[in-house]
Amino acid sequence: MAFSLSDLENFLAVRATASAEESYTAKLVQKGPAYAAKKLGEEAVEAVIAAVEGDRKALVMESADVLYHLLVVLRTRGIALQDVVSELERRTAQSGLQEKASRPAG
């Protein structure tokens, strides 16, 4: 049985209800969206550095951190993973260039 992002989202839902003393997820959620987003940004930068340096192992680990922290940020804003998946489905119904061209300017 494969582990999925939906599994991670479900795991986070449980961990978010624990005490902050016993759960890093709960700590992030309790500190709020800005704090969780800052942690996401830090992990994203670390993933970029690993990619630029060609460090495969670090990139895999940092990518896992990015996905985890992204799901925490989504949770703090009340956004379900399915909302993001639905947007990806909408976008992949056309080419990437067509999708980008259809976005509002700004």
PDB file of N, CA and C in Angstrom:
ATOM      1  N   MET A   1       0.841  -1.178   0.000  1.00  0.00           N
ATOM      2  CA  MET A   1       0.000   0.000   0.000  1.00  0.00           C
ATOM      3  C   MET A   1       0.892   1.249   0.000  1.00  0.00           C
ATOM      4  N   ALA A   2       0.653   2.129  -0.929  1.00  0.00           N
ATOM      5  CA  ALA A   2       1.472   3.323  -1.074  1.00  0.00           C
ATOM      6  C   ALA A   2       0.987   4.441  -0.155  1.00  0.00           C
ATOM      7  N   PHE A   3       1.920   5.183   0.354  1.00  0.00           N
ATOM      8  CA  PHE A   3       1.624   6.352   1.185  1.00  0.00           C
ATOM      9  C   PHE A   3       1.334   7.516   0.253  1.00  0.00           C
ATOM     10  N   SER A   4       0.283   8.275   0.537  1.00  0.00           N
ATOM     11  CA  SER A   4      -0.101   9.372  -0.339  1.00  0.00           C
ATOM     12  C   SER A   4      -0.133  10.701   0.417  1.00  0.00           C
ATOM     13  N   LEU A   5      -0.252  11.781  -0.340  1.00  0.00           N
ATOM     14  CA  LEU A   5      -0.410  13.088   0.295  1.00  0.00           C
ATOM     15  C   LEU A   5      -1.717  13.149   1.086  1.00  0.00           C
ATOM     16  N   SER A   6      -2.725  12.426   0.639  1.00  0.00           N
ATOM     17  CA  SER A   6      -3.977  12.348   1.409  1.00  0.00           C
ATOM     18  C   SER A   6      -3.739  11.676   2.758  1.00  0.00           C
ATOM     19  N   ASP A   7      -2.899  10.658   2.766  1.00  0.00           N
ATOM     20  CA  ASP A   7      -2.534  10.007   4.035  1.00  0.00           C
ATOM     21  C   ASP A   7      -1.833  11.005   4.947  1.00  0.00           C
ATOM     22  N   LEU A   8      -0.930  11.791   4.378  1.00  0.00           N
ATOM     23  CA  LEU A   8      -0.225  12.794   5.169  1.00  0.00           C
ATOM     24  C   LEU A   8      -1.207  13.834   5.703  1.00  0.00           C
ATOM     25  N   GLU A   9      -2.130  14.272   4.868  1.00  0.00           N
ATOM     26  CA  GLU A   9      -3.136  15.236   5.308  1.00  0.00           C
ATOM     27  C   GLU A   9      -3.947  14.673   6.476  1.00  0.00           C
ATOM     28  N   ASN A  10      -4.336  13.424   6.402  1.00  0.00           N
ATOM     29  CA  ASN A  10      -5.089  12.787   7.489  1.00  0.00           C
ATOM     30  C   ASN A  10      -4.249  12.676   8.760  1.00  0.00           C
ATOM     31  N   PHE A  11      -2.990  12.328   8.602  1.00  0.00           N
ATOM     32  CA  PHE A  11      -2.075  12.250   9.737  1.00  0.00           C
ATOM     33  C   PHE A  11      -1.952  13.616  10.413  1.00  0.00           C
ATOM     34  N   LEU A  12      -1.796  14.666   9.591  1.00  0.00           N
ATOM     35  CA  LEU A  12      -1.672  16.018  10.139  1.00  0.00           C
ATOM     36  C   LEU A  12      -2.932  16.442  10.879  1.00  0.00           C
ATOM     37  N   ALA A  13      -4.083  16.040  10.383  1.00  0.00           N
ATOM     38  CA  ALA A  13      -5.348  16.389  11.037  1.00  0.00           C
ATOM     39  C   ALA A  13      -5.374  15.844  12.461  1.00  0.00           C
ATOM     40  N   VAL A  14      -4.881  14.640  12.629  1.00  0.00           N
ATOM     41  CA  VAL A  14      -4.826  14.026  13.959  1.00  0.00           C
ATOM     42  C   VAL A  14      -3.781  14.723  14.822  1.00  0.00           C
ATOM     43  N   ARG A  15      -2.594  14.903  14.276  1.00  0.00           N
ATOM     44  CA  ARG A  15      -1.500  15.508  15.052  1.00  0.00           C
ATOM     45  C   ARG A  15      -1.784  16.961  15.418  1.00  0.00           C
ATOM     46  N   ALA A  16      -2.559  17.660  14.601  1.00  0.00           N
ATOM     47  CA  ALA A  16      -2.881  19.064  14.865  1.00  0.00           C
ATOM     48  C   ALA A  16      -3.726  19.224  16.121  1.00  0.00           C
ATOM     49  N   THR A  17      -4.408  18.162  16.529  1.00  0.00           N
ATOM     50  CA  THR A  17      -5.268  18.231  17.716  1.00  0.00           C
ATOM     51  C   THR A  17      -4.537  17.839  19.000  1.00  0.00           C
ATOM     52  N   ALA A  18      -3.304  17.401  18.875  1.00  0.00           N
ATOM     53  CA  ALA A  18      -2.509  17.015  20.047  1.00  0.00           C
ATOM     54  C   ALA A  18      -2.000  18.279  20.748  1.00  0.00           C
ATOM     55  N   SER A  19      -1.356  18.090  21.865  1.00  0.00           N
ATOM     56  CA  SER A  19      -0.776  19.251  22.554  1.00  0.00           C
ATOM     57  C   SER A  19       0.514  19.659  21.837  1.00  0.00           C
ATOM     58  N   ALA A  20       0.821  20.942  21.905  1.00  0.00           N
ATOM     59  CA  ALA A  20       2.032  21.460  21.256  1.00  0.00           C
ATOM     60  C   ALA A  20       3.292  20.893  21.895  1.00  0.00           C
ATOM     61  N   GLU A  21       3.198  20.429  23.119  1.00  0.00           N
ATOM     62  CA  GLU A  21       4.364  19.835  23.787  1.00  0.00           C
ATOM     63  C   GLU A  21       4.711  18.474  23.213  1.00  0.00           C
ATOM     64  N   GLU A  22       3.727  17.804  22.599  1.00  0.00           N
ATOM     65  CA  GLU A  22       3.990  16.461  22.081  1.00  0.00           C
ATOM     66  C   GLU A  22       3.918  16.371  20.558  1.00  0.00           C
ATOM     67  N   SER A  23       3.522  17.457  19.886  1.00  0.00           N
ATOM     68  CA  SER A  23       3.355  17.405  18.439  1.00  0.00           C
ATOM     69  C   SER A  23       3.884  18.669  17.771  1.00  0.00           C
ATOM     70  N   TYR A  24       4.852  18.485  16.888  1.00  0.00           N
ATOM     71  CA  TYR A  24       5.385  19.607  16.112  1.00  0.00           C
ATOM     72  C   TYR A  24       4.292  20.193  15.223  1.00  0.00           C
ATOM     73  N   THR A  25       3.455  19.326  14.677  1.00  0.00           N
ATOM     74  CA  THR A  25       2.344  19.794  13.841  1.00  0.00           C
ATOM     75  C   THR A  25       1.424  20.701  14.642  1.00  0.00           C
ATOM     76  N   ALA A  26       1.050  20.277  15.838  1.00  0.00           N
ATOM     77  CA  ALA A  26       0.180  21.097  16.681  1.00  0.00           C
ATOM     78  C   ALA A  26       0.841  22.427  17.003  1.00  0.00           C
ATOM     79  N   LYS A  27       2.125  22.397  17.248  1.00  0.00           N
ATOM     80  CA  LYS A  27       2.874  23.629  17.544  1.00  0.00           C
ATOM     81  C   LYS A  27       2.800  24.601  16.369  1.00  0.00           C
ATOM     82  N   LEU A  28       3.011  24.090  15.163  1.00  0.00           N
ATOM     83  CA  LEU A  28       2.937  24.930  13.974  1.00  0.00           C
ATOM     84  C   LEU A  28       1.535  25.508  13.792  1.00  0.00           C
ATOM     85  N   VAL A  29       0.533  24.666  13.934  1.00  0.00           N
ATOM     86  CA  VAL A  29      -0.853  25.106  13.750  1.00  0.00           C
ATOM     87  C   VAL A  29      -1.223  26.154  14.795  1.00  0.00           C
ATOM     88  N   GLN A  30      -0.831  25.915  16.043  1.00  0.00           N
ATOM     89  CA  GLN A  30      -1.171  26.851  17.115  1.00  0.00           C
ATOM     90  C   GLN A  30      -0.473  28.196  16.949  1.00  0.00           C
ATOM     91  N   LYS A  31       0.710  28.195  16.347  1.00  0.00           N
ATOM     92  CA  LYS A  31       1.425  29.463  16.138  1.00  0.00           C
ATOM     93  C   LYS A  31       0.849  30.259  14.980  1.00  0.00           C
ATOM     94  N   GLY A  32       0.012  29.636  14.176  1.00  0.00           N
ATOM     95  CA  GLY A  32      -0.718  30.343  13.144  1.00  0.00           C
ATOM     96  C   GLY A  32      -0.114  30.297  11.755  1.00  0.00           C
ATOM     97  N   PRO A  33      -0.897  30.808  10.788  1.00  0.00           N
ATOM     98  CA  PRO A  33      -0.504  30.726   9.382  1.00  0.00           C
ATOM     99  C   PRO A  33       0.814  31.431   9.050  1.00  0.00           C
ATOM    100  N   ALA A  34       1.055  32.584   9.631  1.00  0.00           N
ATOM    101  CA  ALA A  34       2.291  33.311   9.299  1.00  0.00           C
ATOM    102  C   ALA A  34       3.524  32.519   9.721  1.00  0.00           C
ATOM    103  N   TYR A  35       3.479  31.935  10.906  1.00  0.00           N
ATOM    104  CA  TYR A  35       4.610  31.147  11.387  1.00  0.00           C
ATOM    105  C   TYR A  35       4.798  29.898  10.521  1.00  0.00           C
ATOM    106  N   ALA A  36       3.692  29.218  10.233  1.00  0.00           N
ATOM    107  CA  ALA A  36       3.769  28.007   9.408  1.00  0.00           C
ATOM    108  C   ALA A  36       4.286  28.343   8.016  1.00  0.00           C
ATOM    109  N   ALA A  37       3.850  29.476   7.466  1.00  0.00           N
ATOM    110  CA  ALA A  37       4.304  29.885   6.138  1.00  0.00           C
ATOM    111  C   ALA A  37       5.796  30.212   6.142  1.00  0.00           C
ATOM    112  N   LYS A  38       6.274  30.818   7.208  1.00  0.00           N
ATOM    113  CA  LYS A  38       7.707  31.107   7.330  1.00  0.00           C
ATOM    114  C   LYS A  38       8.513  29.805   7.306  1.00  0.00           C
ATOM    115  N   LYS A  39       8.034  28.805   8.032  1.00  0.00           N
ATOM    116  CA  LYS A  39       8.721  27.513   8.037  1.00  0.00           C
ATOM    117  C   LYS A  39       8.687  26.884   6.645  1.00  0.00           C
ATOM    118  N   LEU A  40       7.558  27.018   5.935  1.00  0.00           N
ATOM    119  CA  LEU A  40       7.461  26.507   4.567  1.00  0.00           C
ATOM    120  C   LEU A  40       8.499  27.185   3.684  1.00  0.00           C
ATOM    121  N   GLY A  41       8.623  28.488   3.812  1.00  0.00           N
ATOM    122  CA  GLY A  41       9.607  29.228   3.027  1.00  0.00           C
ATOM    123  C   GLY A  41      11.027  28.769   3.300  1.00  0.00           C
ATOM    124  N   GLU A  42      11.341  28.547   4.559  1.00  0.00           N
ATOM    125  CA  GLU A  42      12.682  28.067   4.919  1.00  0.00           C
ATOM    126  C   GLU A  42      12.969  26.715   4.268  1.00  0.00           C
ATOM    127  N   GLU A  43      11.983  25.826   4.319  1.00  0.00           N
ATOM    128  CA  GLU A  43      12.167  24.498   3.732  1.00  0.00           C
ATOM    129  C   GLU A  43      12.284  24.584   2.215  1.00  0.00           C
ATOM    130  N   ALA A  44      11.525  25.486   1.600  1.00  0.00           N
ATOM    131  CA  ALA A  44      11.595  25.654   0.148  1.00  0.00           C
ATOM    132  C   ALA A  44      12.983  26.127  -0.272  1.00  0.00           C
ATOM    133  N   VAL A  45      13.545  27.070   0.480  1.00  0.00           N
ATOM    134  CA  VAL A  45      14.892  27.553   0.180  1.00  0.00           C
ATOM    135  C   VAL A  45      15.899  26.412   0.308  1.00  0.00           C
ATOM    136  N   GLU A  46      15.756  25.604   1.343  1.00  0.00           N
ATOM    137  CA  GLU A  46      16.668  24.471   1.517  1.00  0.00           C
ATOM    138  C   GLU A  46      16.535  23.476   0.368  1.00  0.00           C
ATOM    139  N   ALA A  47      15.321  23.278  -0.140  1.00  0.00           N
ATOM    140  CA  ALA A  47      15.119  22.386  -1.284  1.00  0.00           C
ATOM    141  C   ALA A  47      15.776  22.963  -2.534  1.00  0.00           C
ATOM    142  N   VAL A  48      15.650  24.259  -2.728  1.00  0.00           N
ATOM    143  CA  VAL A  48      16.279  24.913  -3.883  1.00  0.00           C
ATOM    144  C   VAL A  48      17.798  24.754  -3.813  1.00  0.00           C
ATOM    145  N   ILE A  49      18.358  24.971  -2.654  1.00  0.00           N
ATOM    146  CA  ILE A  49      19.815  24.836  -2.491  1.00  0.00           C
ATOM    147  C   ILE A  49      20.259  23.411  -2.812  1.00  0.00           C
ATOM    148  N   ALA A  50      19.514  22.433  -2.306  1.00  0.00           N
ATOM    149  CA  ALA A  50      19.855  21.034  -2.579  1.00  0.00           C
ATOM    150  C   ALA A  50      19.765  20.735  -4.075  1.00  0.00           C
ATOM    151  N   ALA A  51      18.757  21.301  -4.744  1.00  0.00           N
ATOM    152  CA  ALA A  51      18.606  21.080  -6.192  1.00  0.00           C
ATOM    153  C   ALA A  51      19.758  21.703  -6.957  1.00  0.00           C
ATOM    154  N   VAL A  52      20.125  22.914  -6.610  1.00  0.00           N
ATOM    155  CA  VAL A  52      21.214  23.618  -7.290  1.00  0.00           C
ATOM    156  C   VAL A  52      22.537  22.885  -7.079  1.00  0.00           C
ATOM    157  N   GLU A  53      22.729  22.379  -5.885  1.00  0.00           N
ATOM    158  CA  GLU A  53      23.978  21.674  -5.569  1.00  0.00           C
ATOM    159  C   GLU A  53      23.994  20.238  -6.096  1.00  0.00           C
ATOM    160  N   GLY A  54      22.871  19.752  -6.590  1.00  0.00           N
ATOM    161  CA  GLY A  54      22.814  18.391  -7.110  1.00  0.00           C
ATOM    162  C   GLY A  54      22.859  17.336  -6.028  1.00  0.00           C
ATOM    163  N   ASP A  55      22.442  17.693  -4.824  1.00  0.00           N
ATOM    164  CA  ASP A  55      22.462  16.760  -3.691  1.00  0.00           C
ATOM    165  C   ASP A  55      21.128  16.012  -3.646  1.00  0.00           C
ATOM    166  N   ARG A  56      21.097  14.851  -4.270  1.00  0.00           N
ATOM    167  CA  ARG A  56      19.860  14.081  -4.411  1.00  0.00           C
ATOM    168  C   ARG A  56      19.224  13.743  -3.070  1.00  0.00           C
ATOM    169  N   LYS A  57      20.025  13.220  -2.153  1.00  0.00           N
ATOM    170  CA  LYS A  57      19.482  12.814  -0.859  1.00  0.00           C
ATOM    171  C   LYS A  57      18.885  14.014  -0.128  1.00  0.00           C
ATOM    172  N   ALA A  58      19.603  15.123  -0.112  1.00  0.00           N
ATOM    173  CA  ALA A  58      19.091  16.326   0.559  1.00  0.00           C
ATOM    174  C   ALA A  58      17.839  16.839  -0.137  1.00  0.00           C
ATOM    175  N   LEU A  59      17.798  16.765  -1.462  1.00  0.00           N
ATOM    176  CA  LEU A  59      16.622  17.239  -2.189  1.00  0.00           C
ATOM    177  C   LEU A  59      15.397  16.396  -1.860  1.00  0.00           C
ATOM    178  N   VAL A  60      15.579  15.101  -1.758  1.00  0.00           N
ATOM    179  CA  VAL A  60      14.461  14.228  -1.375  1.00  0.00           C
ATOM    180  C   VAL A  60      13.972  14.592   0.028  1.00  0.00           C
ATOM    181  N   MET A  61      14.889  14.747   0.958  1.00  0.00           N
ATOM    182  CA  MET A  61      14.518  15.062   2.339  1.00  0.00           C
ATOM    183  C   MET A  61      13.863  16.443   2.433  1.00  0.00           C
ATOM    184  N   GLU A  62      14.438  17.427   1.779  1.00  0.00           N
ATOM    185  CA  GLU A  62      13.883  18.782   1.830  1.00  0.00           C
ATOM    186  C   GLU A  62      12.538  18.855   1.114  1.00  0.00           C
ATOM    187  N   SER A  63      12.379  18.080   0.058  1.00  0.00           N
ATOM    188  CA  SER A  63      11.087  18.035  -0.639  1.00  0.00           C
ATOM    189  C   SER A  63       9.998  17.475   0.268  1.00  0.00           C
ATOM    190  N   ALA A  64      10.336  16.469   1.048  1.00  0.00           N
ATOM    191  CA  ALA A  64       9.377  15.932   2.016  1.00  0.00           C
ATOM    192  C   ALA A  64       9.005  17.008   3.029  1.00  0.00           C
ATOM    193  N   ASP A  65       9.996  17.765   3.468  1.00  0.00           N
ATOM    194  CA  ASP A  65       9.725  18.862   4.409  1.00  0.00           C
ATOM    195  C   ASP A  65       8.814  19.920   3.782  1.00  0.00           C
ATOM    196  N   VAL A  66       9.061  20.247   2.508  1.00  0.00           N
ATOM    197  CA  VAL A  66       8.233  21.239   1.816  1.00  0.00           C
ATOM    198  C   VAL A  66       6.787  20.759   1.736  1.00  0.00           C
ATOM    199  N   LEU A  67       6.588  19.519   1.338  1.00  0.00           N
ATOM    200  CA  LEU A  67       5.221  18.994   1.230  1.00  0.00           C
ATOM    201  C   LEU A  67       4.529  18.984   2.587  1.00  0.00           C
ATOM    202  N   TYR A  68       5.226  18.555   3.610  1.00  0.00           N
ATOM    203  CA  TYR A  68       4.666  18.543   4.960  1.00  0.00           C
ATOM    204  C   TYR A  68       4.256  19.960   5.381  1.00  0.00           C
ATOM    205  N   HIS A  69       5.181  20.900   5.253  1.00  0.00           N
ATOM    206  CA  HIS A  69       4.897  22.266   5.698  1.00  0.00           C
ATOM    207  C   HIS A  69       3.817  22.928   4.835  1.00  0.00           C
ATOM    208  N   LEU A  70       3.762  22.604   3.549  1.00  0.00           N
ATOM    209  CA  LEU A  70       2.695  23.129   2.699  1.00  0.00           C
ATOM    210  C   LEU A  70       1.334  22.651   3.203  1.00  0.00           C
ATOM    211  N   LEU A  71       1.237  21.383   3.541  1.00  0.00           N
ATOM    212  CA  LEU A  71      -0.039  20.863   4.053  1.00  0.00           C
ATOM    213  C   LEU A  71      -0.403  21.497   5.390  1.00  0.00           C
ATOM    214  N   VAL A  72       0.580  21.796   6.207  1.00  0.00           N
ATOM    215  CA  VAL A  72       0.299  22.493   7.468  1.00  0.00           C
ATOM    216  C   VAL A  72      -0.230  23.897   7.179  1.00  0.00           C
ATOM    217  N   VAL A  73       0.409  24.607   6.250  1.00  0.00           N
ATOM    218  CA  VAL A  73      -0.058  25.952   5.897  1.00  0.00           C
ATOM    219  C   VAL A  73      -1.479  25.889   5.359  1.00  0.00           C
ATOM    220  N   LEU A  74      -1.753  24.949   4.481  1.00  0.00           N
ATOM    221  CA  LEU A  74      -3.111  24.804   3.960  1.00  0.00           C
ATOM    222  C   LEU A  74      -4.106  24.576   5.092  1.00  0.00           C
ATOM    223  N   ARG A  75      -3.728  23.734   6.036  1.00  0.00           N
ATOM    224  CA  ARG A  75      -4.608  23.448   7.184  1.00  0.00           C
ATOM    225  C   ARG A  75      -4.876  24.721   7.980  1.00  0.00           C
ATOM    226  N   THR A  76      -3.840  25.528   8.201  1.00  0.00           N
ATOM    227  CA  THR A  76      -4.040  26.749   9.000  1.00  0.00           C
ATOM    228  C   THR A  76      -4.952  27.749   8.295  1.00  0.00           C
ATOM    229  N   ARG A  77      -5.108  27.598   6.993  1.00  0.00           N
ATOM    230  CA  ARG A  77      -5.983  28.482   6.219  1.00  0.00           C
ATOM    231  C   ARG A  77      -7.298  27.809   5.820  1.00  0.00           C
ATOM    232  N   GLY A  78      -7.519  26.596   6.337  1.00  0.00           N
ATOM    233  CA  GLY A  78      -8.774  25.902   6.062  1.00  0.00           C
ATOM    234  C   GLY A  78      -8.929  25.441   4.622  1.00  0.00           C
ATOM    235  N   ILE A  79      -7.815  25.144   3.987  1.00  0.00           N
ATOM    236  CA  ILE A  79      -7.831  24.688   2.597  1.00  0.00           C
ATOM    237  C   ILE A  79      -7.492  23.205   2.572  1.00  0.00           C
ATOM    238  N   ALA A  80      -8.374  22.416   1.983  1.00  0.00           N
ATOM    239  CA  ALA A  80      -8.161  20.973   1.879  1.00  0.00           C
ATOM    240  C   ALA A  80      -7.229  20.656   0.715  1.00  0.00           C
ATOM    241  N   LEU A  81      -6.485  19.590   0.852  1.00  0.00           N
ATOM    242  CA  LEU A  81      -5.611  19.126  -0.227  1.00  0.00           C
ATOM    243  C   LEU A  81      -6.421  18.926  -1.502  1.00  0.00           C
ATOM    244  N   GLN A  82      -7.646  18.441  -1.389  1.00  0.00           N
ATOM    245  CA  GLN A  82      -8.480  18.206  -2.569  1.00  0.00           C
ATOM    246  C   GLN A  82      -8.712  19.487  -3.365  1.00  0.00           C
ATOM    247  N   ASP A  83      -8.760  20.627  -2.694  1.00  0.00           N
ATOM    248  CA  ASP A  83      -8.906  21.904  -3.405  1.00  0.00           C
ATOM    249  C   ASP A  83      -7.711  22.149  -4.321  1.00  0.00           C
ATOM    250  N   VAL A  84      -6.530  21.825  -3.834  1.00  0.00           N
ATOM    251  CA  VAL A  84      -5.312  21.995  -4.630  1.00  0.00           C
ATOM    252  C   VAL A  84      -5.291  20.969  -5.766  1.00  0.00           C
ATOM    253  N   VAL A  85      -5.674  19.738  -5.468  1.00  0.00           N
ATOM    254  CA  VAL A  85      -5.719  18.695  -6.494  1.00  0.00           C
ATOM    255  C   VAL A  85      -6.714  19.076  -7.592  1.00  0.00           C
ATOM    256  N   SER A  86      -7.853  19.607  -7.203  1.00  0.00           N
ATOM    257  CA  SER A  86      -8.851  20.040  -8.194  1.00  0.00           C
ATOM    258  C   SER A  86      -8.296  21.135  -9.097  1.00  0.00           C
ATOM    259  N   GLU A  87      -7.542  22.057  -8.522  1.00  0.00           N
ATOM    260  CA  GLU A  87      -6.917  23.114  -9.324  1.00  0.00           C
ATOM    261  C   GLU A  87      -5.890  22.522 -10.281  1.00  0.00           C
ATOM    262  N   LEU A  88      -5.119  21.549  -9.812  1.00  0.00           N
ATOM    263  CA  LEU A  88      -4.151  20.897 -10.699  1.00  0.00           C
ATOM    264  C   LEU A  88      -4.865  20.162 -11.831  1.00  0.00           C
ATOM    265  N   GLU A  89      -5.980  19.510 -11.517  1.00  0.00           N
ATOM    266  CA  GLU A  89      -6.758  18.827 -12.560  1.00  0.00           C
ATOM    267  C   GLU A  89      -7.253  19.830 -13.597  1.00  0.00           C
ATOM    268  N   ARG A  90      -7.737  20.973 -13.132  1.00  0.00           N
ATOM    269  CA  ARG A  90      -8.226  21.999 -14.034  1.00  0.00           C
ATOM    270  C   ARG A  90      -7.094  22.472 -14.951  1.00  0.00           C
ATOM    271  N   ARG A  91      -5.929  22.700 -14.358  1.00  0.00           N
ATOM    272  CA  ARG A  91      -4.801  23.211 -15.133  1.00  0.00           C
ATOM    273  C   ARG A  91      -4.274  22.211 -16.135  1.00  0.00           C
ATOM    274  N   THR A  92      -4.288  20.939 -15.796  1.00  0.00           N
ATOM    275  CA  THR A  92      -3.714  19.933 -16.689  1.00  0.00           C
ATOM    276  C   THR A  92      -4.668  19.533 -17.799  1.00  0.00           C
ATOM    277  N   ALA A  93      -5.856  20.114 -17.817  1.00  0.00           N
ATOM    278  CA  ALA A  93      -6.795  19.858 -18.910  1.00  0.00           C
ATOM    279  C   ALA A  93      -6.355  20.581 -20.181  1.00  0.00           C
ATOM    280  N   GLN A  94      -5.347  21.429 -20.072  1.00  0.00           N
ATOM    281  CA  GLN A  94      -4.805  22.159 -21.216  1.00  0.00           C
ATOM    282  C   GLN A  94      -3.285  22.204 -21.076  1.00  0.00           C
ATOM    283  N   SER A  95      -2.625  22.702 -22.093  1.00  0.00           N
ATOM    284  CA  SER A  95      -1.166  22.788 -22.002  1.00  0.00           C
ATOM    285  C   SER A  95      -0.778  23.844 -20.973  1.00  0.00           C
ATOM    286  N   GLY A  96       0.420  23.727 -20.451  1.00  0.00           N
ATOM    287  CA  GLY A  96       0.914  24.690 -19.476  1.00  0.00           C
ATOM    288  C   GLY A  96       0.969  26.099 -20.042  1.00  0.00           C
ATOM    289  N   LEU A  97       1.334  26.226 -21.292  1.00  0.00           N
ATOM    290  CA  LEU A  97       1.397  27.555 -21.907  1.00  0.00           C
ATOM    291  C   LEU A  97       0.002  28.155 -22.052  1.00  0.00           C
ATOM    292  N   GLN A  98      -0.982  27.332 -22.429  1.00  0.00           N
ATOM    293  CA  GLN A  98      -2.359  27.823 -22.523  1.00  0.00           C
ATOM    294  C   GLN A  98      -2.878  28.228 -21.150  1.00  0.00           C
ATOM    295  N   GLU A  99      -2.577  27.423 -20.150  1.00  0.00           N
ATOM    296  CA  GLU A  99      -3.050  27.713 -18.788  1.00  0.00           C
ATOM    297  C   GLU A  99      -2.470  29.010 -18.307  1.00  0.00           C
ATOM    298  N   LYS A 100      -1.165  29.215 -18.486  1.00  0.00           N
ATOM    299  CA  LYS A 100      -0.526  30.461 -18.045  1.00  0.00           C
ATOM    300  C   LYS A 100      -1.105  31.664 -18.774  1.00  0.00           C
ATOM    301  N   ALA A 101      -1.374  31.529 -20.048  1.00  0.00           N
ATOM    302  CA  ALA A 101      -1.930  32.634 -20.847  1.00  0.00           C
ATOM    303  C   ALA A 101      -3.338  32.994 -20.397  1.00  0.00           C
ATOM    304  N   SER A 102      -4.051  32.044 -19.801  1.00  0.00           N
ATOM    305  CA  SER A 102      -5.436  32.299 -19.392  1.00  0.00           C
ATOM    306  C   SER A 102      -5.522  32.969 -18.026  1.00  0.00           C
ATOM    307  N   ARG A 103      -4.404  33.073 -17.313  1.00  0.00           N
ATOM    308  CA  ARG A 103      -4.418  33.700 -15.986  1.00  0.00           C
ATOM    309  C   ARG A 103      -4.592  35.212 -16.126  1.00  0.00           C
ATOM    310  N   PRO A 104      -5.298  35.814 -15.162  1.00  0.00           N
ATOM    311  CA  PRO A 104      -5.432  37.271 -15.197  1.00  0.00           C
ATOM    312  C   PRO A 104      -4.068  37.938 -15.051  1.00  0.00           C
ATOM    313  N   ALA A 105      -3.866  39.044 -15.720  1.00  0.00           N
ATOM    314  CA  ALA A 105      -2.610  39.788 -15.626  1.00  0.00           C
ATOM    315  C   ALA A 105      -2.498  40.405 -14.236  1.00  0.00           C
ATOM    316  N   GLY A 106      -1.303  40.452 -13.741  1.00  0.00           N
ATOM    317  CA  GLY A 106      -1.154  41.100 -12.439  1.00  0.00           C
ATOM    318  C   GLY A 106       0.037  40.653 -11.767  1.00  0.00           C
TER     319      GLY A 106
END
